Structure formats: structure tokens, C-alpha cells
Amino acid sequence: MIFTMPSWKHVTVPVTEGSPETTTEGYMENYRNVSQYIRNQLDAEAEAEAIQIILIWIDNDIYSISQELKTISYQKLYDILKQFQNEVNELRAERLARTANLLELVAQQQPAYHPQNHPNHYTQHSSTRSQQAATRNRGKAIVNSPPTYDQEPKMVVEDDALLREIGI
């Protein structure tokens, strides 16, 4: 027996609504829509998660960078202090040497003369007393002298006349 293919194979059959072919196309279309929706949702979720991860990384980076900056600042400060420590030590040594020298000078000094308030020490020679009196008189003369002016001669004459009237 030989079977032959039916001749209707090349015949186009109009698809009616509700037929299996339209239902399959509908399912396929529906599947494409749902899968696109799911992809969009997944993309949005993935993007949100990626943003969250990036923000966490940024936050951690900012924290670690600020900690590093603090550490670097302290290290730089320590290095600067270390760099000038020798200079500070030299200055301290100089100051100690000066202080030691001053103490040495004070220790080597002769004791200062302090006259005692005793009646025997008041017997002075007459020439010494007259020199002291002359010095005192010169001091009084300087204190009581009229003022010196860098003014016009007319004003100096007026001041001299005023001083004569007062009796100085």
C-alpha cells in the first residue's frame, strides 16, 4: 500500500479565533510580554542593588580614606616633630649650658660688701663728707633749674621774667 500525501498540504486554511494556532501565538506573545516584564523588573532590581552596593563601597571608601588621612596627618606631624627633635635638643643643651655658666659665675663672684648699720661705721673723713654734700647740692641745682625750651627767644624771655616775679 502506498500512501500519498494529501493534496491539501499546499492549501491555506484560514485561522479562526480559538483555533490552536491562534492560542499558541497568544501564549507566545504573552510569554514574550511576561519575560520582558520580568527582565525589566530584574534589570531594575539589579540596578537598584548595584547602586546600593556602589553606595556602600563609596561609604566604606570615604570612611577608610578619612581614616587614612588622619593616619597620614598624624604620621606627617610625627615626622615633622622627629625632624626638629635634634634642633630642640640643641636648644635645650644651649639653655642648660647658659644656666650652668650663670650658676658658675655666681659661685665665683666675690661676696658683695654690705655695710652694717653700726655707729662705728659713721665716722667718715671730712673730705668724703664734703664730696657727698657737693654732689647733693649739684642734684638740687639740676632739679630746681628752669626748664629749657626749644622755642622762640621771646617766649624764653617771658618765662624768665615770670620766674623772677615769683622769686625762683
N, C-alpha and C. Protein backbone atom coordinates (compact mmCIF):
# COMPACT_ATOMS: atom_id res chain seq x y z
N MET A 1 0.80 -1.15 0.00
CA MET A 1 0.00 0.00 0.00
C MET A 1 0.86 1.24 0.00
N ILE A 2 0.54 2.06 -0.80
CA ILE A 2 1.29 3.28 -0.94
C ILE A 2 0.38 4.41 -0.52
N PHE A 3 0.98 5.12 0.39
CA PHE A 3 0.21 6.28 0.86
C PHE A 3 0.76 7.52 0.18
N THR A 4 -0.04 8.30 -0.20
CA THR A 4 0.38 9.55 -0.80
C THR A 4 -0.09 10.69 0.08
N MET A 5 0.64 11.71 0.02
CA MET A 5 0.30 12.87 0.85
C MET A 5 -0.93 13.52 0.28
N PRO A 6 -1.70 13.93 1.16
CA PRO A 6 -2.90 14.57 0.65
C PRO A 6 -2.57 15.85 -0.08
N SER A 7 -3.36 16.23 -0.87
CA SER A 7 -3.12 17.40 -1.70
C SER A 7 -3.48 18.70 -0.98
N TRP A 8 -4.07 18.61 0.12
CA TRP A 8 -4.46 19.84 0.85
C TRP A 8 -3.27 20.49 1.55
N LYS A 9 -2.12 19.88 1.47
CA LYS A 9 -0.93 20.38 2.14
C LYS A 9 -0.61 21.80 1.67
N HIS A 10 -0.81 22.12 0.49
CA HIS A 10 -0.48 23.42 -0.06
C HIS A 10 -1.64 24.38 0.01
N VAL A 11 -2.65 23.95 0.58
CA VAL A 11 -3.84 24.79 0.64
C VAL A 11 -3.77 25.61 1.92
N THR A 12 -4.01 26.89 1.86
CA THR A 12 -4.00 27.75 3.03
C THR A 12 -5.35 27.69 3.68
N VAL A 13 -5.30 27.38 4.95
CA VAL A 13 -6.54 27.27 5.71
C VAL A 13 -6.64 28.53 6.56
N PRO A 14 -7.73 29.25 6.46
CA PRO A 14 -7.86 30.45 7.30
C PRO A 14 -7.96 30.06 8.78
N VAL A 15 -7.23 30.85 9.62
CA VAL A 15 -7.21 30.56 11.05
C VAL A 15 -8.36 31.31 11.68
N THR A 16 -9.11 30.59 12.41
CA THR A 16 -10.25 31.21 13.09
C THR A 16 -9.89 31.44 14.54
N GLU A 17 -10.61 32.32 15.13
CA GLU A 17 -10.36 32.62 16.53
C GLU A 17 -10.68 31.41 17.37
N GLY A 18 -9.76 31.12 18.36
CA GLY A 18 -9.96 29.98 19.23
C GLY A 18 -9.31 28.73 18.70
N SER A 19 -8.78 28.79 17.51
CA SER A 19 -8.10 27.61 16.98
C SER A 19 -6.77 27.43 17.72
N PRO A 20 -6.19 26.25 17.68
CA PRO A 20 -4.93 26.02 18.39
C PRO A 20 -3.80 26.92 17.92
N GLU A 21 -3.79 27.29 16.68
CA GLU A 21 -2.72 28.15 16.17
C GLU A 21 -2.80 29.53 16.78
N THR A 22 -3.96 30.12 16.87
CA THR A 22 -4.10 31.45 17.48
C THR A 22 -3.81 31.38 18.97
N THR A 23 -4.18 30.30 19.59
CA THR A 23 -3.92 30.15 21.02
C THR A 23 -2.42 30.06 21.27
N THR A 24 -1.70 29.33 20.45
CA THR A 24 -0.24 29.20 20.59
C THR A 24 0.43 30.54 20.38
N GLU A 25 -0.01 31.27 19.36
CA GLU A 25 0.56 32.60 19.14
C GLU A 25 0.27 33.52 20.31
N GLY A 26 -0.90 33.41 20.86
CA GLY A 26 -1.26 34.22 22.03
C GLY A 26 -0.38 33.88 23.23
N TYR A 27 -0.16 32.56 23.40
CA TYR A 27 0.72 32.15 24.51
C TYR A 27 2.14 32.69 24.29
N MET A 28 2.59 32.58 23.07
CA MET A 28 3.95 33.06 22.77
C MET A 28 4.06 34.57 22.99
N GLU A 29 3.06 35.28 22.55
CA GLU A 29 3.06 36.73 22.74
C GLU A 29 3.02 37.06 24.23
N ASN A 30 2.16 36.34 24.94
CA ASN A 30 2.05 36.53 26.39
C ASN A 30 3.38 36.22 27.07
N TYR A 31 4.03 35.13 26.64
CA TYR A 31 5.31 34.73 27.22
C TYR A 31 6.36 35.81 26.96
N ARG A 32 6.36 36.34 25.74
CA ARG A 32 7.32 37.41 25.42
C ARG A 32 7.07 38.64 26.29
N ASN A 33 5.82 39.00 26.47
CA ASN A 33 5.49 40.16 27.30
C ASN A 33 5.90 39.94 28.76
N VAL A 34 5.56 38.77 29.28
CA VAL A 34 5.89 38.46 30.68
C VAL A 34 7.41 38.40 30.85
N SER A 35 8.07 37.74 29.93
CA SER A 35 9.52 37.63 30.06
C SER A 35 10.19 39.01 29.96
N GLN A 36 9.65 39.87 29.10
CA GLN A 36 10.19 41.23 29.00
C GLN A 36 9.93 41.99 30.30
N TYR A 37 8.74 41.82 30.87
CA TYR A 37 8.41 42.47 32.15
C TYR A 37 9.35 41.98 33.24
N ILE A 38 9.56 40.65 33.26
CA ILE A 38 10.46 40.07 34.27
C ILE A 38 11.88 40.60 34.07
N ARG A 39 12.32 40.65 32.82
CA ARG A 39 13.66 41.20 32.55
C ARG A 39 13.76 42.65 33.00
N ASN A 40 12.70 43.42 32.71
CA ASN A 40 12.70 44.82 33.15
C ASN A 40 12.77 44.91 34.67
N GLN A 41 11.96 44.07 35.34
CA GLN A 41 11.97 44.06 36.81
C GLN A 41 13.35 43.66 37.33
N LEU A 42 13.89 42.61 36.73
CA LEU A 42 15.21 42.15 37.16
C LEU A 42 16.27 43.21 36.90
N ASP A 43 16.15 43.87 35.76
CA ASP A 43 17.10 44.94 35.45
C ASP A 43 16.98 46.06 36.48
N ALA A 44 15.74 46.44 36.82
CA ALA A 44 15.53 47.50 37.81
C ALA A 44 16.06 47.08 39.17
N GLU A 45 15.78 45.82 39.56
CA GLU A 45 16.27 45.33 40.85
C GLU A 45 17.80 45.23 40.84
N ALA A 46 18.33 44.74 39.74
CA ALA A 46 19.79 44.63 39.63
C ALA A 46 20.43 46.02 39.68
N GLU A 47 19.79 46.96 39.00
CA GLU A 47 20.32 48.33 39.01
C GLU A 47 20.25 48.92 40.41
N ALA A 48 19.12 48.72 41.10
CA ALA A 48 18.98 49.22 42.47
C ALA A 48 20.01 48.57 43.39
N GLU A 49 20.20 47.26 43.21
CA GLU A 49 21.18 46.55 44.04
C GLU A 49 22.59 47.03 43.72
N ALA A 50 22.86 47.25 42.45
CA ALA A 50 24.18 47.74 42.06
C ALA A 50 24.42 49.12 42.65
N ILE A 51 23.39 49.96 42.60
CA ILE A 51 23.51 51.30 43.19
C ILE A 51 23.76 51.19 44.69
N GLN A 52 23.03 50.30 45.35
CA GLN A 52 23.21 50.09 46.79
C GLN A 52 24.64 49.63 47.10
N ILE A 53 25.12 48.70 46.32
CA ILE A 53 26.49 48.20 46.52
C ILE A 53 27.50 49.32 46.29
N ILE A 54 27.28 50.09 45.24
CA ILE A 54 28.19 51.21 44.95
C ILE A 54 28.17 52.21 46.10
N LEU A 55 26.97 52.53 46.60
CA LEU A 55 26.87 53.47 47.72
C LEU A 55 27.58 52.94 48.96
N ILE A 56 27.42 51.66 49.23
CA ILE A 56 28.11 51.06 50.39
C ILE A 56 29.62 51.13 50.18
N TRP A 57 30.08 50.82 48.97
CA TRP A 57 31.51 50.90 48.68
C TRP A 57 32.01 52.33 48.86
N ILE A 58 31.22 53.28 48.33
CA ILE A 58 31.61 54.69 48.46
C ILE A 58 31.69 55.07 49.93
N ASP A 59 30.68 54.68 50.71
CA ASP A 59 30.68 54.99 52.13
C ASP A 59 31.90 54.38 52.82
N ASN A 60 32.17 53.11 52.52
CA ASN A 60 33.34 52.45 53.11
C ASN A 60 34.63 53.12 52.65
N ASP A 61 34.67 53.49 51.37
CA ASP A 61 35.86 54.17 50.85
C ASP A 61 36.06 55.51 51.53
N ILE A 62 34.97 56.26 51.68
CA ILE A 62 35.07 57.56 52.34
C ILE A 62 35.57 57.39 53.77
N TYR A 63 35.01 56.42 54.49
CA TYR A 63 35.45 56.18 55.86
C TYR A 63 36.92 55.78 55.90
N SER A 64 37.30 54.85 55.03
CA SER A 64 38.70 54.40 55.06
C SER A 64 39.64 55.51 54.61
N ILE A 65 39.21 56.32 53.63
CA ILE A 65 40.05 57.43 53.19
C ILE A 65 40.20 58.45 54.30
N SER A 66 39.11 58.76 55.01
CA SER A 66 39.22 59.72 56.11
C SER A 66 40.11 59.18 57.21
N GLN A 67 40.02 57.88 57.49
CA GLN A 67 40.91 57.27 58.48
C GLN A 67 42.36 57.34 58.00
N GLU A 68 42.56 57.07 56.71
CA GLU A 68 43.91 57.15 56.15
C GLU A 68 44.45 58.56 56.24
N LEU A 69 43.59 59.56 55.96
CA LEU A 69 44.03 60.95 56.05
C LEU A 69 44.43 61.30 57.47
N LYS A 70 43.64 60.84 58.45
CA LYS A 70 44.00 61.09 59.84
C LYS A 70 45.34 60.44 60.15
N THR A 71 45.49 59.20 59.72
CA THR A 71 46.74 58.48 59.98
C THR A 71 47.90 59.19 59.29
N ILE A 72 47.68 59.60 58.05
CA ILE A 72 48.74 60.30 57.32
C ILE A 72 49.07 61.61 58.01
N SER A 73 48.04 62.34 58.47
CA SER A 73 48.28 63.61 59.16
C SER A 73 49.10 63.38 60.41
N TYR A 74 48.73 62.37 61.20
CA TYR A 74 49.49 62.08 62.40
C TYR A 74 50.92 61.65 62.06
N GLN A 75 51.05 60.87 61.00
CA GLN A 75 52.39 60.43 60.61
C GLN A 75 53.24 61.61 60.15
N LYS A 76 52.63 62.52 59.37
CA LYS A 76 53.37 63.70 58.93
C LYS A 76 53.77 64.56 60.12
N LEU A 77 52.84 64.75 61.05
CA LEU A 77 53.14 65.53 62.24
C LEU A 77 54.27 64.88 63.03
N TYR A 78 54.20 63.57 63.18
CA TYR A 78 55.25 62.85 63.89
C TYR A 78 56.59 63.00 63.18
N ASP A 79 56.58 62.90 61.85
CA ASP A 79 57.81 63.06 61.08
C ASP A 79 58.40 64.46 61.25
N ILE A 80 57.52 65.47 61.24
CA ILE A 80 57.99 66.85 61.42
C ILE A 80 58.58 67.01 62.81
N LEU A 81 57.88 66.50 63.82
CA LEU A 81 58.40 66.59 65.18
C LEU A 81 59.74 65.87 65.31
N LYS A 82 59.82 64.72 64.69
CA LYS A 82 61.05 63.94 64.73
C LYS A 82 62.18 64.70 64.04
N GLN A 83 61.85 65.36 62.94
CA GLN A 83 62.84 66.10 62.17
C GLN A 83 63.43 67.24 63.01
N PHE A 84 62.60 67.91 63.79
CA PHE A 84 63.08 69.04 64.56
C PHE A 84 63.50 68.66 65.98
N GLN A 85 63.44 67.39 66.32
CA GLN A 85 63.83 66.97 67.66
C GLN A 85 65.30 67.28 67.94
N ASN A 86 66.16 67.09 66.95
CA ASN A 86 67.59 67.40 67.13
C ASN A 86 67.78 68.88 67.43
N GLU A 87 67.05 69.72 66.69
CA GLU A 87 67.16 71.16 66.93
C GLU A 87 66.69 71.52 68.33
N VAL A 88 65.60 70.90 68.75
CA VAL A 88 65.07 71.13 70.10
C VAL A 88 66.10 70.69 71.14
N ASN A 89 66.71 69.54 70.91
CA ASN A 89 67.72 69.05 71.85
C ASN A 89 68.91 70.00 71.92
N GLU A 90 69.34 70.54 70.78
CA GLU A 90 70.44 71.51 70.77
C GLU A 90 70.08 72.76 71.55
N LEU A 91 68.85 73.26 71.34
CA LEU A 91 68.42 74.46 72.07
C LEU A 91 68.37 74.20 73.57
N ARG A 92 67.90 73.02 73.96
CA ARG A 92 67.88 72.67 75.38
C ARG A 92 69.29 72.63 75.94
N ALA A 93 70.21 72.04 75.19
CA ALA A 93 71.60 71.94 75.65
C ALA A 93 72.21 73.33 75.81
N GLU A 94 71.94 74.23 74.84
CA GLU A 94 72.45 75.60 74.95
C GLU A 94 71.89 76.29 76.18
N ARG A 95 70.59 76.12 76.42
CA ARG A 95 69.97 76.76 77.58
C ARG A 95 70.56 76.22 78.88
N LEU A 96 70.75 74.91 78.93
CA LEU A 96 71.36 74.32 80.13
C LEU A 96 72.79 74.82 80.31
N ALA A 97 73.52 74.96 79.21
CA ALA A 97 74.90 75.45 79.30
C ALA A 97 74.91 76.89 79.81
N ARG A 98 74.00 77.72 79.30
CA ARG A 98 73.94 79.10 79.78
C ARG A 98 73.59 79.15 81.26
N THR A 99 72.62 78.34 81.66
CA THR A 99 72.22 78.31 83.07
C THR A 99 73.38 77.83 83.93
N ALA A 100 74.07 76.82 83.48
CA ALA A 100 75.21 76.30 84.23
C ALA A 100 76.30 77.36 84.32
N ASN A 101 76.54 78.09 83.21
CA ASN A 101 77.55 79.15 83.23
C ASN A 101 77.16 80.27 84.18
N LEU A 102 75.88 80.62 84.21
CA LEU A 102 75.44 81.67 85.13
C LEU A 102 75.65 81.24 86.57
N LEU A 103 75.30 79.99 86.86
CA LEU A 103 75.50 79.50 88.22
C LEU A 103 76.98 79.47 88.56
N GLU A 104 77.80 79.13 87.60
CA GLU A 104 79.25 79.11 87.82
C GLU A 104 79.77 80.51 88.09
N LEU A 105 79.27 81.49 87.30
CA LEU A 105 79.69 82.88 87.51
C LEU A 105 79.26 83.38 88.88
N VAL A 106 78.05 83.06 89.26
CA VAL A 106 77.56 83.49 90.57
C VAL A 106 78.39 82.85 91.67
N ALA A 107 78.74 81.59 91.50
CA ALA A 107 79.54 80.90 92.51
C ALA A 107 80.93 81.50 92.61
N GLN A 108 81.49 82.01 91.51
CA GLN A 108 82.84 82.57 91.52
C GLN A 108 82.87 84.02 91.99
N GLN A 109 81.74 84.68 92.07
CA GLN A 109 81.71 86.09 92.44
C GLN A 109 82.18 86.28 93.87
N GLN A 110 82.77 87.44 94.08
CA GLN A 110 83.18 87.82 95.43
C GLN A 110 81.94 88.23 96.20
N PRO A 111 81.92 87.99 97.48
CA PRO A 111 80.76 88.42 98.25
C PRO A 111 80.62 89.94 98.19
N ALA A 112 79.41 90.40 98.06
CA ALA A 112 79.14 91.84 97.97
C ALA A 112 79.37 92.48 99.32
N TYR A 113 79.83 93.74 99.29
CA TYR A 113 80.08 94.48 100.53
C TYR A 113 78.76 95.08 101.00
N HIS A 114 78.37 94.73 102.22
CA HIS A 114 77.16 95.28 102.82
C HIS A 114 77.57 95.95 104.13
N PRO A 115 77.61 97.30 104.15
CA PRO A 115 78.00 97.97 105.40
C PRO A 115 76.95 97.71 106.47
N GLN A 116 77.40 97.62 107.66
CA GLN A 116 76.49 97.37 108.76
C GLN A 116 76.08 98.69 109.38
N ASN A 117 74.88 98.76 109.84
CA ASN A 117 74.38 99.97 110.49
C ASN A 117 74.87 99.98 111.94
N HIS A 118 76.09 100.37 112.08
CA HIS A 118 76.69 100.40 113.41
C HIS A 118 77.31 101.77 113.59
N PRO A 119 77.22 102.36 114.75
CA PRO A 119 77.75 103.73 114.95
C PRO A 119 79.22 103.86 114.57
N ASN A 120 80.01 102.83 114.70
CA ASN A 120 81.43 102.93 114.37
C ASN A 120 81.66 103.18 112.88
N HIS A 121 80.72 102.80 112.04
CA HIS A 121 80.88 102.95 110.60
C HIS A 121 80.50 104.33 110.10
N TYR A 122 80.02 105.21 110.98
CA TYR A 122 79.62 106.54 110.54
C TYR A 122 80.75 107.54 110.66
N THR A 123 81.85 107.16 111.14
CA THR A 123 82.98 108.09 111.26
C THR A 123 83.68 108.15 109.91
N GLN A 124 83.35 109.19 109.15
CA GLN A 124 83.93 109.35 107.82
C GLN A 124 84.91 110.50 107.84
N HIS A 125 85.76 110.53 106.87
CA HIS A 125 86.69 111.63 106.74
C HIS A 125 85.95 112.86 106.27
N SER A 126 86.46 114.01 106.58
CA SER A 126 85.80 115.26 106.22
C SER A 126 85.78 115.46 104.71
N SER A 127 86.80 115.01 104.01
CA SER A 127 86.82 115.20 102.56
C SER A 127 85.72 114.37 101.89
N THR A 128 85.45 113.18 102.42
CA THR A 128 84.39 112.35 101.87
C THR A 128 83.05 113.00 102.08
N ARG A 129 82.85 113.59 103.29
CA ARG A 129 81.57 114.26 103.57
C ARG A 129 81.37 115.47 102.69
N SER A 130 82.41 116.22 102.44
CA SER A 130 82.27 117.42 101.61
C SER A 130 81.99 117.04 100.15
N GLN A 131 82.57 115.94 99.68
CA GLN A 131 82.27 115.48 98.32
C GLN A 131 80.80 115.06 98.19
N GLN A 132 80.32 114.37 99.21
CA GLN A 132 78.92 113.95 99.19
C GLN A 132 77.99 115.15 99.21
N ALA A 133 78.32 116.16 99.98
CA ALA A 133 77.49 117.37 100.06
C ALA A 133 77.49 118.09 98.72
N ALA A 134 78.65 118.17 98.08
CA ALA A 134 78.73 118.84 96.78
C ALA A 134 77.87 118.11 95.75
N THR A 135 77.90 116.79 95.80
CA THR A 135 77.09 116.01 94.87
C THR A 135 75.61 116.25 95.12
N ARG A 136 75.21 116.30 96.40
CA ARG A 136 73.80 116.56 96.74
C ARG A 136 73.39 117.94 96.24
N ASN A 137 74.26 118.94 96.43
CA ASN A 137 73.93 120.31 96.01
C ASN A 137 73.79 120.38 94.49
N ARG A 138 74.64 119.67 93.77
CA ARG A 138 74.52 119.67 92.31
C ARG A 138 73.19 119.05 91.89
N GLY A 139 72.77 118.00 92.57
CA GLY A 139 71.50 117.36 92.25
C GLY A 139 70.34 118.31 92.48
N LYS A 140 70.39 119.08 93.59
CA LYS A 140 69.32 120.05 93.87
C LYS A 140 69.31 121.14 92.81
N ALA A 141 70.49 121.56 92.40
CA ALA A 141 70.57 122.62 91.39
C ALA A 141 69.96 122.15 90.07
N ILE A 142 70.19 120.91 89.74
CA ILE A 142 69.62 120.39 88.49
C ILE A 142 68.11 120.30 88.59
N VAL A 143 67.61 119.85 89.74
CA VAL A 143 66.17 119.70 89.92
C VAL A 143 65.49 121.05 89.90
N ASN A 144 66.10 122.06 90.53
CA ASN A 144 65.46 123.38 90.65
C ASN A 144 65.76 124.29 89.47
N SER A 145 66.49 123.86 88.48
CA SER A 145 66.82 124.72 87.35
C SER A 145 65.58 124.94 86.49
N PRO A 146 65.50 126.11 85.83
CA PRO A 146 64.34 126.40 84.98
C PRO A 146 64.36 125.49 83.75
N PRO A 147 63.18 125.25 83.17
CA PRO A 147 63.10 124.36 82.02
C PRO A 147 63.80 124.95 80.79
N THR A 148 64.31 124.10 79.96
CA THR A 148 64.96 124.51 78.72
C THR A 148 63.94 124.33 77.61
N TYR A 149 63.88 125.33 76.72
CA TYR A 149 62.87 125.30 75.66
C TYR A 149 63.54 125.31 74.31
N ASP A 150 62.90 124.68 73.40
CA ASP A 150 63.28 124.80 72.00
C ASP A 150 62.25 125.69 71.35
N GLN A 151 62.09 126.87 71.91
CA GLN A 151 61.06 127.78 71.44
C GLN A 151 61.71 129.07 70.96
N GLU A 152 60.87 129.99 70.62
CA GLU A 152 61.36 131.29 70.17
C GLU A 152 61.96 132.02 71.37
N PRO A 153 62.96 132.85 71.14
CA PRO A 153 63.60 133.59 72.24
C PRO A 153 62.62 134.46 73.02
N LYS A 154 61.61 134.98 72.38
CA LYS A 154 60.63 135.83 73.06
C LYS A 154 59.95 135.06 74.18
N MET A 155 59.59 133.81 73.94
CA MET A 155 58.91 133.01 74.96
C MET A 155 59.86 132.69 76.12
N VAL A 156 61.12 132.45 75.82
CA VAL A 156 62.11 132.17 76.87
C VAL A 156 62.26 133.40 77.76
N VAL A 157 62.29 134.60 77.18
CA VAL A 157 62.41 135.85 77.94
C VAL A 157 61.18 136.01 78.83
N GLU A 158 60.00 135.73 78.31
CA GLU A 158 58.77 135.84 79.10
C GLU A 158 58.81 134.87 80.28
N ASP A 159 59.28 133.65 80.05
CA ASP A 159 59.37 132.67 81.13
C ASP A 159 60.37 133.12 82.19
N ASP A 160 61.50 133.69 81.76
CA ASP A 160 62.49 134.18 82.72
C ASP A 160 61.91 135.31 83.56
N ALA A 161 61.15 136.20 82.93
CA ALA A 161 60.54 137.32 83.66
C ALA A 161 59.53 136.78 84.67
N LEU A 162 58.77 135.80 84.29
CA LEU A 162 57.79 135.20 85.19
C LEU A 162 58.48 134.53 86.37
N LEU A 163 59.57 133.84 86.12
CA LEU A 163 60.32 133.19 87.20
C LEU A 163 60.89 134.22 88.17
N ARG A 164 61.36 135.38 87.66
CA ARG A 164 61.89 136.43 88.54
C ARG A 164 60.80 137.01 89.41
N GLU A 165 59.61 137.19 88.84
CA GLU A 165 58.50 137.74 89.62
C GLU A 165 58.12 136.80 90.76
N ILE A 166 58.12 135.51 90.48
CA ILE A 166 57.74 134.54 91.51
C ILE A 166 58.83 134.45 92.56
N GLY A 167 60.04 134.67 92.17
CA GLY A 167 61.15 134.64 93.12
C GLY A 167 61.92 133.34 93.10
N ILE A 168 61.91 132.72 92.03
CA ILE A 168 62.65 131.45 91.93
C ILE A 168 64.01 131.69 91.33
